[in-house]
Amino acid sequence: MASTKVARVGPKKLTRFEKARILGGRALQLSLGAPPLIPEKEIDTDDVLEIAKKELERGVLPITVVRRTPKGEEYRIPLQDLL
């Protein structure tokens, strides 16, 4: 099993793949009835992907990005550190 470390590995920002994975997962949650994490008055659309984008831009998603090295080491980076 890979060891877990808290450090920075890889780019200092979210990669386009990480962003797509986060937005897709959050949009799925919203489509299945999860409550939005931004105030209702700020939501001006029914499009769950747009709501997920707004949540990501505001940094309100409680997500940790896991990055792995070729050696199998695992690094957990809070989303707020990558925005």
C-alpha atoms as a PDB file:
ATOM      1  CA  MET A   1       0.000   0.000   0.000  1.00  0.00           C
ATOM      2  CA  ALA A   2       1.294   3.458  -0.888  1.00  0.00           C
ATOM      3  CA  SER A   3       2.368   5.834   1.824  1.00  0.00           C
ATOM      4  CA  THR A   4       0.345   9.025   2.244  1.00  0.00           C
ATOM      5  CA  LYS A   5       2.168  12.343   2.522  1.00  0.00           C
ATOM      6  CA  VAL A   6       1.021  15.930   2.698  1.00  0.00           C
ATOM      7  CA  ALA A   7       3.172  17.864   0.250  1.00  0.00           C
ATOM      8  CA  ARG A   8       3.055  19.493  -3.139  1.00  0.00           C
ATOM      9  CA  VAL A   9       3.778  17.381  -6.163  1.00  0.00           C
ATOM     10  CA  GLY A  10       3.089  18.261  -9.777  1.00  0.00           C
ATOM     11  CA  PRO A  11       1.776  21.596 -11.062  1.00  0.00           C
ATOM     12  CA  LYS A  12       0.807  24.384  -8.658  1.00  0.00           C
ATOM     13  CA  LYS A  13      -2.681  24.597 -10.206  1.00  0.00           C
ATOM     14  CA  LEU A  14      -5.390  22.093 -11.003  1.00  0.00           C
ATOM     15  CA  THR A  15      -4.726  20.238 -14.215  1.00  0.00           C
ATOM     16  CA  ARG A  16      -7.457  20.235 -16.837  1.00  0.00           C
ATOM     17  CA  PHE A  17      -8.035  16.548 -16.069  1.00  0.00           C
ATOM     18  CA  GLU A  18      -8.462  17.139 -12.331  1.00  0.00           C
ATOM     19  CA  LYS A  19     -10.804  20.044 -13.034  1.00  0.00           C
ATOM     20  CA  ALA A  20     -12.915  17.926 -15.404  1.00  0.00           C
ATOM     21  CA  ARG A  21     -13.099  15.093 -12.859  1.00  0.00           C
ATOM     22  CA  ILE A  22     -14.138  17.432 -10.041  1.00  0.00           C
ATOM     23  CA  LEU A  23     -16.740  19.274 -12.134  1.00  0.00           C
ATOM     24  CA  GLY A  24     -18.181  16.051 -13.526  1.00  0.00           C
ATOM     25  CA  GLY A  25     -18.466  14.428 -10.117  1.00  0.00           C
ATOM     26  CA  ARG A  26     -20.027  17.502  -8.514  1.00  0.00           C
ATOM     27  CA  ALA A  27     -22.464  17.973 -11.420  1.00  0.00           C
ATOM     28  CA  LEU A  28     -23.563  14.351 -10.970  1.00  0.00           C
ATOM     29  CA  GLN A  29     -24.137  14.937  -7.256  1.00  0.00           C
ATOM     30  CA  LEU A  30     -26.216  18.045  -7.994  1.00  0.00           C
ATOM     31  CA  SER A  31     -28.269  16.223 -10.633  1.00  0.00           C
ATOM     32  CA  LEU A  32     -29.061  13.511  -8.085  1.00  0.00           C
ATOM     33  CA  GLY A  33     -30.401  16.072  -5.604  1.00  0.00           C
ATOM     34  CA  ALA A  34     -27.413  17.232  -3.558  1.00  0.00           C
ATOM     35  CA  PRO A  35     -27.883  20.777  -2.218  1.00  0.00           C
ATOM     36  CA  PRO A  36     -25.738  23.497  -3.800  1.00  0.00           C
ATOM     37  CA  LEU A  37     -22.929  24.892  -1.651  1.00  0.00           C
ATOM     38  CA  ILE A  38     -23.522  28.463  -2.821  1.00  0.00           C
ATOM     39  CA  PRO A  39     -26.539  30.583  -1.846  1.00  0.00           C
ATOM     40  CA  GLU A  40     -29.697  30.009  -3.900  1.00  0.00           C
ATOM     41  CA  LYS A  41     -29.878  33.713  -4.783  1.00  0.00           C
ATOM     42  CA  GLU A  42     -26.550  33.415  -6.662  1.00  0.00           C
ATOM     43  CA  ILE A  43     -27.832  30.566  -8.845  1.00  0.00           C
ATOM     44  CA  ASP A  44     -29.356  31.903 -12.040  1.00  0.00           C
ATOM     45  CA  THR A  45     -29.493  28.658 -14.048  1.00  0.00           C
ATOM     46  CA  ASP A  46     -30.753  25.089 -13.852  1.00  0.00           C
ATOM     47  CA  ASP A  47     -27.575  23.747 -15.479  1.00  0.00           C
ATOM     48  CA  VAL A  48     -25.811  21.626 -12.861  1.00  0.00           C
ATOM     49  CA  LEU A  49     -22.463  21.986 -14.622  1.00  0.00           C
ATOM     50  CA  GLU A  50     -22.650  25.793 -14.378  1.00  0.00           C
ATOM     51  CA  ILE A  51     -23.516  25.523 -10.680  1.00  0.00           C
ATOM     52  CA  ALA A  52     -20.548  23.177 -10.168  1.00  0.00           C
ATOM     53  CA  LYS A  53     -18.268  25.672 -11.968  1.00  0.00           C
ATOM     54  CA  LYS A  54     -19.435  28.489  -9.679  1.00  0.00           C
ATOM     55  CA  GLU A  55     -18.796  26.319  -6.619  1.00  0.00           C
ATOM     56  CA  LEU A  56     -15.297  25.488  -7.859  1.00  0.00           C
ATOM     57  CA  GLU A  57     -14.498  29.141  -8.642  1.00  0.00           C
ATOM     58  CA  ARG A  58     -15.549  30.192  -5.142  1.00  0.00           C
ATOM     59  CA  GLY A  59     -13.508  27.405  -3.554  1.00  0.00           C
ATOM     60  CA  VAL A  60     -16.355  26.014  -1.448  1.00  0.00           C
ATOM     61  CA  LEU A  61     -15.952  22.367  -2.450  1.00  0.00           C
ATOM     62  CA  PRO A  62     -14.524  20.248   0.394  1.00  0.00           C
ATOM     63  CA  ILE A  63     -12.301  18.136  -1.845  1.00  0.00           C
ATOM     64  CA  THR A  64      -8.770  16.800  -1.571  1.00  0.00           C
ATOM     65  CA  VAL A  65      -6.865  16.040  -4.773  1.00  0.00           C
ATOM     66  CA  VAL A  66      -4.779  12.861  -4.686  1.00  0.00           C
ATOM     67  CA  ARG A  67      -1.662  12.803  -6.840  1.00  0.00           C
ATOM     68  CA  ARG A  68       0.547   9.735  -7.193  1.00  0.00           C
ATOM     69  CA  THR A  69       4.184   9.513  -8.218  1.00  0.00           C
ATOM     70  CA  PRO A  70       5.583   6.749 -10.440  1.00  0.00           C
ATOM     71  CA  LYS A  71       7.112   5.226  -7.289  1.00  0.00           C
ATOM     72  CA  GLY A  72       3.634   4.770  -5.852  1.00  0.00           C
ATOM     73  CA  GLU A  73       3.809   7.557  -3.289  1.00  0.00           C
ATOM     74  CA  GLU A  74       0.508   9.277  -2.682  1.00  0.00           C
ATOM     75  CA  TYR A  75       0.138  12.998  -2.012  1.00  0.00           C
ATOM     76  CA  ARG A  76      -3.107  14.575  -0.778  1.00  0.00           C
ATOM     77  CA  ILE A  77      -3.507  18.269  -1.602  1.00  0.00           C
ATOM     78  CA  PRO A  78      -6.491  20.349  -0.423  1.00  0.00           C
ATOM     79  CA  LEU A  79      -8.382  21.869  -3.342  1.00  0.00           C
ATOM     80  CA  GLN A  80      -8.009  25.384  -1.915  1.00  0.00           C
ATOM     81  CA  ASP A  81      -4.204  25.082  -2.282  1.00  0.00           C
ATOM     82  CA  LEU A  82      -4.576  24.497  -6.029  1.00  0.00           C
ATOM     83  CA  LEU A  83      -7.011  27.311  -6.851  1.00  0.00           C
END
